[in-house]
Amino acid sequence: MDDREAALQKAHRHAVRWLASLSDCEVPARATVDEVVRALGLDLPDGPTAPAEVVELLATACEPGLTAFPCGRFYGFVVGGTEPAALAADWLVSAWDQNSVMRAVSPAYAAAEDIAGSWLLDLLGLPGTSAVGFTTGATMANFTCLAAARDTVLRQAGRDVARDGLTGGPAVRVLAGADRHMAVDLALRYLGLGLPELVPADDQGRMRSEALRSALTPPDGRPTIVVLQAGDIHSGAFDPFAEAVSAARGAGAWVHVDGAFGLWAAASPEYAHLTAGCAAADSWATDAHKTLNVPYDCGLAVVRDPAALRAAMGLRGDYLIHHEHGDPVDKVPELSRRGRAFPVWAALRAFGRSGVAALVDRLCRHARTFAAGIAGIEGATVLNDVVFTQVCAVFGDDAATDRVLARLLDDGTAWISGSTWHGRRVMRISVSNWSTTDEDVARSLDAIRRAAAS
């Protein structure tokens, strides 16, 4: 057995044991940062260490400091676990170690990206000729789509951003809902566009389409981008796409949809109505490592006009081997990156069309169960209309809600985070994990009841 095989076998044993522990583990981490630092050791060794020993040290030192994100009782953020086929495929991604930027260099990766992209467009009901780029996550997916949007609306106004930059050019007007996700603001900042103009939202976070129409009427000729949302981070609510897209089209605006987790509603016949009108937009951003449950580092940037995406993201180099039909490098910011399409292909192949729909339906059913259970706790109130996978609740005043949250984390059964919504401290539950069972939900509700009762 050589060093590589020994290290891989050691990693495999630790990974299998860790995953097997998730069904009955305490979800919060048990060790502090300082404790893990001491276990790993601060001093760099003078000489080499056998790879298997390195893996053993890493696993034993770090496992107490791991939060059980893949556990079915983690609801703190909108992050899934990792579906088994996607996890195994991600191991192969590291082993294969492909440069996934050019068709000529890795035909296998290009094939997987082409197929996975086509399947995604079909599942999500998006235009079949759209370009799909595989980014690090939803933030960079938003960045990628909004870069295409920025360059296109400026090009229509006579400004070539690639050649002339932004300085001295016309200002781009960006409108977004008052309850948009902070990742949109971050992407706009990266792009030099600043904060968006905020369009009022209703009590569930849905953009008011009449307010958008008013803000855009009459059209003033400025290059304009409208950002809509599929899935509010607190309520799970969806913007009124048909009305909002119509208003934006009347002003000649580019329409982008931030659908980090909610865009997947389109894959379910039961929930597809939430995305009605969404496919008429110009670009869409989502995360495969949220609702689809593939490993981290996998966002999806979809742009209706492939030429617009290539113009914003493409690059040329004398040493690169360019393909006549385009390359993966033409669709995302990074030149060096992992083969992200492999685990997406694996998850989609494993789930199938009906499996993705069943996954979405199951996550939504769990959210409704949480809402019903919390509503039955004395002093608790569910604040949102539970239309998708998000639940927001309070347990009296802000101090009382924070006490319940602190007790819940001390209990260890589940990991649920707090937030502030409409000026109130809330318990925010995000149901995103493929492995969450009815029993997980029941155990988590029991833990919430204990925290509220004490």
Protein backbone atom coordinates (compact mmCIF):
# COMPACT_ATOMS: atom_id res chain seq x y z
CA MET A 1 0.00 0.00 0.00
CA ASP A 2 1.54 3.32 -1.02
CA ASP A 3 1.18 6.59 0.87
CA ARG A 4 -1.68 7.80 -1.28
CA GLU A 5 -3.79 4.67 -0.85
CA ALA A 6 -3.13 4.60 2.89
CA ALA A 7 -4.20 8.24 3.26
CA LEU A 8 -7.33 7.72 1.18
CA GLN A 9 -8.34 4.64 3.17
CA LYS A 10 -7.83 6.55 6.41
CA ALA A 11 -9.97 9.43 5.12
CA HIS A 12 -12.64 6.99 3.95
CA ARG A 13 -12.89 5.35 7.38
CA HIS A 14 -13.23 8.68 9.15
CA ALA A 15 -15.76 9.97 6.62
CA VAL A 16 -17.95 6.87 6.88
CA ARG A 17 -17.84 6.97 10.67
CA TRP A 18 -18.69 10.70 10.74
CA LEU A 19 -21.62 10.27 8.38
CA ALA A 20 -22.91 7.28 10.36
CA SER A 21 -22.88 9.37 13.55
CA LEU A 22 -25.21 12.03 12.15
CA SER A 23 -28.47 10.23 12.84
CA ASP A 24 -28.08 10.54 16.62
CA CYS A 25 -25.43 13.23 17.14
CA GLU A 26 -25.56 16.55 18.93
CA VAL A 27 -25.71 19.08 16.12
CA PRO A 28 -23.62 21.99 17.55
CA ALA A 29 -19.83 21.70 17.62
CA ARG A 30 -18.40 20.41 20.91
CA ALA A 31 -14.96 22.06 20.77
CA THR A 32 -13.90 25.70 20.55
CA VAL A 33 -11.54 27.19 17.98
CA ASP A 34 -8.75 27.36 20.57
CA GLU A 35 -9.22 23.71 21.47
CA VAL A 36 -8.99 22.64 17.85
CA VAL A 37 -5.91 24.82 17.32
CA ARG A 38 -4.19 23.11 20.25
CA ALA A 39 -5.13 19.68 18.93
CA LEU A 40 -3.82 20.44 15.44
CA GLY A 41 -0.61 21.98 16.78
CA LEU A 42 0.81 25.42 16.12
CA ASP A 43 4.38 24.52 15.19
CA LEU A 44 5.20 23.55 11.61
CA PRO A 45 7.22 20.31 11.71
CA ASP A 46 10.81 20.46 10.52
CA GLY A 47 10.43 17.28 8.50
CA PRO A 48 7.76 15.41 6.55
CA THR A 49 4.91 13.41 8.06
CA ALA A 50 3.33 10.34 6.48
CA PRO A 51 0.10 11.31 4.64
CA ALA A 52 -2.00 8.77 6.59
CA GLU A 53 -0.76 10.26 9.87
CA VAL A 54 -1.67 13.74 8.64
CA VAL A 55 -5.19 12.61 7.78
CA GLU A 56 -5.56 10.89 11.16
CA LEU A 57 -4.49 14.02 13.02
CA LEU A 58 -6.73 16.26 10.95
CA ALA A 59 -9.78 14.07 11.51
CA THR A 60 -9.33 13.47 15.22
CA ALA A 61 -8.44 17.09 15.97
CA CYS A 62 -11.21 18.65 13.89
CA GLU A 63 -14.21 16.37 14.38
CA PRO A 64 -15.06 17.77 17.85
CA GLY A 65 -15.13 21.24 16.28
CA LEU A 66 -17.48 20.30 13.44
CA THR A 67 -21.09 21.40 13.36
CA ALA A 68 -23.25 18.63 11.95
CA PHE A 69 -24.39 20.57 8.90
CA PRO A 70 -25.21 17.34 6.99
CA CYS A 71 -27.48 16.18 9.83
CA GLY A 72 -31.21 16.13 9.20
CA ARG A 73 -31.69 18.33 12.28
CA PHE A 74 -29.68 21.32 11.07
CA TYR A 75 -32.00 24.18 10.09
CA GLY A 76 -29.80 27.20 10.79
CA PHE A 77 -29.14 28.43 7.27
CA VAL A 78 -30.50 27.55 3.85
CA VAL A 79 -27.97 24.81 3.22
CA GLY A 80 -28.67 21.21 2.36
CA GLY A 81 -26.69 18.13 3.20
CA THR A 82 -25.00 16.15 0.47
CA GLU A 83 -26.97 13.53 -1.45
CA PRO A 84 -24.98 10.25 -1.61
CA ALA A 85 -24.32 10.14 -5.37
CA ALA A 86 -23.23 13.78 -5.33
CA LEU A 87 -20.89 13.14 -2.40
CA ALA A 88 -19.24 10.19 -4.12
CA ALA A 89 -18.97 12.17 -7.36
CA ASP A 90 -17.29 15.00 -5.46
CA TRP A 91 -14.67 12.58 -4.18
CA LEU A 92 -14.01 11.66 -7.80
CA VAL A 93 -13.72 15.36 -8.68
CA SER A 94 -10.74 15.63 -6.33
CA ALA A 95 -9.23 12.35 -7.49
CA TRP A 96 -9.65 13.13 -11.18
CA ASP A 97 -8.18 16.62 -10.63
CA GLN A 98 -9.43 17.98 -13.94
CA ASN A 99 -8.78 21.44 -15.33
CA SER A 100 -12.44 22.11 -16.08
CA VAL A 101 -12.15 25.24 -18.20
CA MET A 102 -11.70 23.93 -21.76
CA ARG A 103 -13.46 21.30 -23.85
CA ALA A 104 -10.26 20.21 -25.55
CA VAL A 105 -8.50 19.53 -22.26
CA SER A 106 -11.30 17.71 -20.42
CA PRO A 107 -14.01 16.43 -22.76
CA ALA A 108 -15.49 14.45 -19.85
CA TYR A 109 -16.08 17.57 -17.78
CA ALA A 110 -17.50 19.52 -20.71
CA ALA A 111 -19.92 16.68 -21.45
CA ALA A 112 -21.11 16.54 -17.84
CA GLU A 113 -21.57 20.31 -17.75
CA ASP A 114 -23.51 20.33 -21.02
CA ILE A 115 -25.86 17.57 -19.87
CA ALA A 116 -26.33 18.87 -16.32
CA GLY A 117 -27.01 22.37 -17.64
CA SER A 118 -29.60 21.07 -20.09
CA TRP A 119 -31.33 19.03 -17.38
CA LEU A 120 -31.41 22.04 -15.06
CA LEU A 121 -33.05 24.27 -17.66
CA ASP A 122 -35.65 21.60 -18.29
CA LEU A 123 -36.38 21.01 -14.59
CA LEU A 124 -36.62 24.70 -13.76
CA GLY A 125 -38.70 25.59 -16.80
CA LEU A 126 -36.15 28.07 -18.15
CA PRO A 127 -35.46 28.80 -21.84
CA GLY A 128 -33.66 25.80 -23.31
CA THR A 129 -31.08 27.85 -25.22
CA SER A 130 -29.87 29.69 -22.10
CA ALA A 131 -26.24 29.44 -20.99
CA VAL A 132 -25.52 27.80 -17.62
CA GLY A 133 -22.36 28.65 -15.69
CA PHE A 134 -21.19 26.75 -12.60
CA THR A 135 -19.91 29.18 -9.95
CA THR A 136 -18.80 28.94 -6.31
CA GLY A 137 -22.26 29.73 -4.94
CA ALA A 138 -25.27 32.01 -5.25
CA THR A 139 -23.30 35.18 -4.51
CA MET A 140 -21.02 34.61 -7.48
CA ALA A 141 -23.96 33.36 -9.56
CA ASN A 142 -25.66 36.70 -8.90
CA PHE A 143 -22.40 38.48 -9.69
CA THR A 144 -22.03 36.61 -12.98
CA CYS A 145 -25.60 37.26 -14.11
CA LEU A 146 -25.50 40.90 -13.04
CA ALA A 147 -22.19 41.39 -14.86
CA ALA A 148 -23.90 40.22 -18.05
CA ALA A 149 -26.81 42.53 -17.22
CA ARG A 150 -24.58 45.55 -16.54
CA ASP A 151 -22.54 45.14 -19.69
CA THR A 152 -25.62 44.58 -21.84
CA VAL A 153 -27.63 47.60 -20.67
CA LEU A 154 -24.53 49.79 -20.97
CA ARG A 155 -23.79 48.42 -24.43
CA GLN A 156 -27.33 49.31 -25.44
CA ALA A 157 -26.62 52.82 -24.17
CA GLY A 158 -23.47 53.03 -26.31
CA ARG A 159 -20.87 52.10 -23.68
CA ASP A 160 -18.42 49.22 -24.16
CA VAL A 161 -17.49 48.27 -20.61
CA ALA A 162 -14.89 45.70 -21.64
CA ARG A 163 -13.01 48.35 -23.59
CA ASP A 164 -13.75 51.58 -21.72
CA GLY A 165 -14.66 50.55 -18.18
CA LEU A 166 -17.28 52.28 -16.06
CA THR A 167 -15.58 55.63 -15.45
CA GLY A 168 -17.24 58.37 -17.47
CA GLY A 169 -20.05 56.15 -18.65
CA PRO A 170 -23.76 56.46 -17.91
CA ALA A 171 -24.94 55.41 -14.46
CA VAL A 172 -26.77 52.10 -14.25
CA ARG A 173 -30.01 52.16 -12.30
CA VAL A 174 -30.68 49.01 -10.27
CA LEU A 175 -34.01 48.40 -8.54
CA ALA A 176 -34.53 45.59 -6.02
CA GLY A 177 -37.09 44.68 -3.39
CA ALA A 178 -36.69 46.07 0.10
CA ASP A 179 -36.34 42.51 1.43
CA ARG A 180 -33.75 41.31 -1.08
CA HIS A 181 -30.90 39.10 0.11
CA MET A 182 -27.63 40.76 1.07
CA ALA A 183 -25.82 38.72 -1.61
CA VAL A 184 -27.44 40.96 -4.23
CA ASP A 185 -25.96 44.07 -2.61
CA LEU A 186 -22.58 42.35 -2.40
CA ALA A 187 -22.61 41.39 -6.08
CA LEU A 188 -23.60 44.92 -7.07
CA ARG A 189 -20.78 46.31 -4.96
CA TYR A 190 -18.28 43.99 -6.65
CA LEU A 191 -19.56 45.27 -9.99
CA GLY A 192 -19.14 48.93 -9.08
CA LEU A 193 -22.88 49.61 -9.17
CA GLY A 194 -23.45 50.52 -5.53
CA LEU A 195 -26.60 49.95 -3.52
CA PRO A 196 -29.86 49.38 -5.42
CA GLU A 197 -32.90 51.61 -5.26
CA LEU A 198 -35.33 49.84 -2.97
CA VAL A 199 -38.84 49.00 -4.07
CA PRO A 200 -41.32 48.58 -1.18
CA ALA A 201 -42.27 45.03 -0.21
CA ASP A 202 -45.32 43.63 1.55
CA ASP A 203 -45.28 42.04 5.01
CA GLN A 204 -44.00 38.75 3.56
CA GLY A 205 -41.12 40.36 1.67
CA ARG A 206 -42.73 40.27 -1.78
CA MET A 207 -41.91 43.22 -3.99
CA ARG A 208 -44.99 45.37 -4.64
CA SER A 209 -45.37 45.25 -8.40
CA GLU A 210 -47.39 48.47 -8.50
CA ALA A 211 -44.55 50.24 -6.67
CA LEU A 212 -42.07 48.89 -9.23
CA ARG A 213 -44.25 50.06 -12.10
CA SER A 214 -44.53 53.49 -10.50
CA ALA A 215 -40.75 53.71 -10.07
CA LEU A 216 -40.24 52.84 -13.74
CA THR A 217 -42.98 55.06 -15.21
CA PRO A 218 -42.39 56.89 -17.39
CA PRO A 219 -39.18 55.25 -18.68
CA ASP A 220 -36.34 57.74 -18.36
CA GLY A 221 -33.89 56.11 -20.77
CA ARG A 222 -31.30 55.20 -18.13
CA PRO A 223 -29.68 51.75 -18.35
CA THR A 224 -31.79 49.78 -15.88
CA ILE A 225 -31.65 46.41 -14.11
CA VAL A 226 -34.51 45.03 -12.01
CA VAL A 227 -33.67 42.33 -9.46
CA LEU A 228 -36.49 40.00 -8.36
CA GLN A 229 -36.48 37.26 -5.74
CA ALA A 230 -37.59 33.62 -5.69
CA GLY A 231 -37.72 32.73 -2.01
CA ASP A 232 -37.40 35.31 0.74
CA ILE A 233 -34.80 34.25 3.30
CA HIS A 234 -37.26 34.74 6.19
CA SER A 235 -40.70 33.99 4.78
CA GLY A 236 -39.87 31.93 1.69
CA ALA A 237 -42.15 34.28 -0.30
CA PHE A 238 -41.80 34.81 -4.06
CA ASP A 239 -42.07 38.11 -5.90
CA PRO A 240 -45.03 38.52 -8.31
CA PHE A 241 -42.99 37.69 -11.39
CA ALA A 242 -45.55 38.14 -14.15
CA GLU A 243 -46.51 41.67 -13.06
CA ALA A 244 -42.96 42.72 -12.17
CA VAL A 245 -41.42 41.42 -15.40
CA SER A 246 -44.12 43.20 -17.40
CA ALA A 247 -43.35 46.47 -15.63
CA ALA A 248 -39.61 46.05 -16.20
CA ARG A 249 -40.07 45.18 -19.87
CA GLY A 250 -42.07 48.35 -20.35
CA ALA A 251 -39.05 50.33 -19.17
CA GLY A 252 -36.56 48.37 -21.29
CA ALA A 253 -34.88 46.92 -18.19
CA TRP A 254 -32.91 43.71 -17.82
CA VAL A 255 -34.67 41.41 -15.32
CA HIS A 256 -32.61 39.21 -13.01
CA VAL A 257 -34.00 36.68 -10.51
CA ASP A 258 -32.13 35.77 -7.32
CA GLY A 259 -33.46 32.27 -6.66
CA ALA A 260 -30.75 30.84 -4.41
CA PHE A 261 -33.05 28.19 -2.94
CA GLY A 262 -36.52 29.07 -4.18
CA LEU A 263 -35.96 28.65 -7.91
CA TRP A 264 -36.22 24.90 -7.33
CA ALA A 265 -39.95 25.30 -6.66
CA ALA A 266 -40.33 25.18 -10.45
CA ALA A 267 -39.29 21.50 -10.38
CA SER A 268 -42.35 20.52 -8.35
CA PRO A 269 -45.82 20.42 -9.96
CA GLU A 270 -47.24 21.30 -6.53
CA TYR A 271 -45.11 24.41 -6.05
CA ALA A 272 -44.33 25.54 -9.60
CA HIS A 273 -47.08 28.16 -9.37
CA LEU A 274 -44.78 30.14 -7.08
CA THR A 275 -42.45 30.77 -10.02
CA ALA A 276 -45.15 31.62 -12.59
CA GLY A 277 -43.78 34.27 -14.93
CA CYS A 278 -40.21 33.80 -13.68
CA ALA A 279 -39.04 32.22 -16.95
CA ALA A 280 -39.67 35.51 -18.77
CA ALA A 281 -36.66 37.11 -17.02
CA ASP A 282 -33.21 37.56 -18.58
CA SER A 283 -31.09 35.79 -15.97
CA TRP A 284 -31.42 33.59 -12.91
CA ALA A 285 -29.09 32.65 -10.04
CA THR A 286 -29.43 29.64 -7.76
CA ASP A 287 -27.42 27.27 -5.58
CA ALA A 288 -27.05 23.58 -6.24
CA HIS A 289 -25.69 23.12 -2.70
CA LYS A 290 -28.95 24.36 -1.25
CA THR A 291 -32.16 22.66 -2.38
CA LEU A 292 -30.46 20.16 -4.73
CA ASN A 293 -28.12 19.02 -1.92
CA VAL A 294 -24.77 18.73 -3.68
CA PRO A 295 -21.50 19.61 -1.87
CA TYR A 296 -20.51 23.23 -1.30
CA ASP A 297 -18.88 25.31 -4.03
CA CYS A 298 -21.63 24.95 -6.62
CA GLY A 299 -23.76 27.91 -7.67
CA LEU A 300 -25.57 28.19 -10.99
CA ALA A 301 -25.68 31.29 -13.18
CA VAL A 302 -28.22 31.09 -16.00
CA VAL A 303 -28.42 33.76 -18.73
CA ARG A 304 -31.03 33.73 -21.48
CA ASP A 305 -28.64 35.22 -24.07
CA PRO A 306 -25.42 33.12 -24.17
CA ALA A 307 -23.66 35.87 -26.12
CA ALA A 308 -24.26 38.34 -23.29
CA LEU A 309 -22.73 35.95 -20.78
CA ARG A 310 -19.72 35.23 -22.99
CA ALA A 311 -19.17 38.95 -23.54
CA ALA A 312 -19.06 39.56 -19.80
CA MET A 313 -17.12 36.48 -18.65
CA GLY A 314 -15.15 35.17 -21.63
CA LEU A 315 -11.40 35.57 -22.02
CA ARG A 316 -8.77 34.74 -24.55
CA GLY A 317 -5.18 33.60 -24.09
CA ASP A 318 -2.63 32.50 -26.64
CA TYR A 319 -1.88 29.32 -24.70
CA LEU A 320 -5.54 28.35 -24.24
CA ILE A 321 -7.15 25.88 -26.62
CA HIS A 322 -10.43 27.47 -27.61
CA HIS A 323 -13.29 25.41 -28.97
CA GLU A 324 -15.53 26.65 -31.76
CA HIS A 325 -18.63 25.92 -29.69
CA GLY A 326 -17.34 27.78 -26.63
CA ASP A 327 -15.85 26.57 -23.37
CA PRO A 328 -16.85 26.39 -19.71
CA VAL A 329 -14.41 29.24 -19.05
CA ASP A 330 -16.62 31.56 -21.09
CA LYS A 331 -19.43 31.44 -18.52
CA VAL A 332 -17.96 32.07 -15.05
CA PRO A 333 -15.34 34.34 -13.43
CA GLU A 334 -12.73 31.75 -12.42
CA LEU A 335 -10.09 30.33 -14.69
CA SER A 336 -9.06 27.61 -12.19
CA ARG A 337 -11.90 25.74 -10.54
CA ARG A 338 -13.24 22.35 -9.52
CA GLY A 339 -15.33 20.16 -11.79
CA ARG A 340 -18.59 21.36 -10.24
CA ALA A 341 -20.85 19.85 -12.88
CA PHE A 342 -19.91 16.27 -11.97
CA PRO A 343 -21.77 16.20 -8.61
CA VAL A 344 -24.68 18.16 -10.10
CA TRP A 345 -25.00 15.57 -12.88
CA ALA A 346 -24.77 12.79 -10.27
CA ALA A 347 -27.47 14.28 -8.03
CA LEU A 348 -29.85 14.87 -10.93
CA ARG A 349 -29.26 11.37 -12.31
CA ALA A 350 -29.83 9.86 -8.86
CA PHE A 351 -33.00 11.83 -8.10
CA GLY A 352 -34.51 11.88 -11.58
CA ARG A 353 -37.30 14.28 -12.43
CA SER A 354 -39.76 12.78 -9.96
CA GLY A 355 -37.12 12.59 -7.24
CA VAL A 356 -36.31 16.30 -7.42
CA ALA A 357 -40.02 17.12 -7.25
CA ALA A 358 -40.45 14.75 -4.29
CA LEU A 359 -37.49 16.36 -2.53
CA VAL A 360 -38.99 19.84 -2.89
CA ASP A 361 -42.39 18.59 -1.72
CA ARG A 362 -40.88 16.84 1.29
CA LEU A 363 -38.90 19.90 2.42
CA CYS A 364 -42.04 22.02 2.18
CA ARG A 365 -44.09 19.45 4.10
CA HIS A 366 -41.52 19.46 6.91
CA ALA A 367 -41.71 23.27 7.06
CA ARG A 368 -45.50 23.13 7.42
CA THR A 369 -45.12 20.55 10.21
CA PHE A 370 -42.73 22.87 12.03
CA ALA A 371 -45.15 25.76 11.69
CA ALA A 372 -48.08 23.74 13.00
CA GLY A 373 -46.05 22.40 15.93
CA ILE A 374 -44.73 25.81 16.97
CA ALA A 375 -48.19 27.37 16.67
CA GLY A 376 -49.33 24.93 19.34
CA ILE A 377 -46.71 26.12 21.88
CA GLU A 378 -48.06 28.56 24.45
CA GLY A 379 -46.71 32.05 23.81
CA ALA A 380 -45.30 31.20 20.37
CA THR A 381 -46.40 32.82 17.13
CA VAL A 382 -45.50 31.93 13.54
CA LEU A 383 -45.05 35.22 11.69
CA ASN A 384 -44.91 34.15 8.05
CA ASP A 385 -47.20 32.46 5.58
CA VAL A 386 -45.38 29.14 5.16
CA VAL A 387 -45.43 28.86 1.38
CA PHE A 388 -42.11 27.09 0.88
CA THR A 389 -39.31 25.92 3.20
CA GLN A 390 -38.94 28.83 5.65
CA VAL A 391 -40.56 29.33 9.06
CA CYS A 392 -40.17 32.41 11.29
CA ALA A 393 -41.52 32.40 14.83
CA VAL A 394 -41.36 34.42 18.03
CA PHE A 395 -41.78 33.35 21.65
CA GLY A 396 -42.90 36.61 23.19
CA ASP A 397 -40.62 39.63 23.22
CA ASP A 398 -37.10 39.72 21.76
CA ALA A 399 -35.43 38.69 25.01
CA ALA A 400 -37.72 35.69 25.40
CA THR A 401 -37.10 34.57 21.81
CA ASP A 402 -33.33 34.82 22.29
CA ARG A 403 -33.57 32.80 25.51
CA VAL A 404 -35.41 30.04 23.68
CA LEU A 405 -32.78 30.05 20.93
CA ALA A 406 -29.94 29.85 23.46
CA ARG A 407 -31.59 26.96 25.33
CA LEU A 408 -32.21 25.15 22.06
CA LEU A 409 -28.53 25.27 21.10
CA ASP A 410 -27.52 24.16 24.59
CA ASP A 411 -29.90 21.20 24.20
CA GLY A 412 -27.98 20.08 21.10
CA THR A 413 -30.82 18.18 19.43
CA ALA A 414 -31.17 20.68 16.60
CA TRP A 415 -29.35 23.72 15.25
CA ILE A 416 -31.72 26.63 14.59
CA SER A 417 -30.52 30.21 14.31
CA GLY A 418 -32.02 33.54 15.21
CA SER A 419 -32.49 36.54 12.97
CA THR A 420 -34.18 39.93 12.95
CA TRP A 421 -37.21 40.36 10.72
CA HIS A 422 -39.45 43.43 10.60
CA GLY A 423 -37.63 44.75 13.65
CA ARG A 424 -38.26 41.64 15.79
CA ARG A 425 -35.95 38.86 16.92
CA VAL A 426 -37.16 35.60 15.40
CA MET A 427 -36.40 31.91 15.31
CA ARG A 428 -35.74 31.19 11.63
CA ILE A 429 -36.08 27.59 10.47
CA SER A 430 -34.78 26.63 7.04
CA VAL A 431 -35.65 23.11 5.94
CA SER A 432 -33.16 22.21 3.23
CA ASN A 433 -31.64 18.78 3.88
CA TRP A 434 -32.54 15.76 1.74
CA SER A 435 -32.01 13.48 4.75
CA THR A 436 -34.40 15.23 7.17
CA THR A 437 -37.04 12.72 8.26
CA ASP A 438 -40.38 12.98 10.00
CA GLU A 439 -38.62 11.71 13.12
CA ASP A 440 -35.99 14.47 12.84
CA VAL A 441 -38.74 17.07 12.71
CA ALA A 442 -40.56 15.51 15.66
CA ARG A 443 -37.37 15.40 17.75
CA SER A 444 -36.58 19.00 16.83
CA LEU A 445 -40.08 20.17 17.76
CA ASP A 446 -39.76 18.40 21.12
CA ALA A 447 -36.50 20.28 21.68
CA ILE A 448 -38.20 23.59 20.82
CA ARG A 449 -41.00 22.80 23.28
CA ARG A 450 -38.46 22.04 26.02
CA ALA A 451 -36.61 25.28 25.32
CA ALA A 452 -39.84 27.28 25.38
CA ALA A 453 -41.16 25.58 28.53
CA SER A 454 -38.02 26.12 30.59
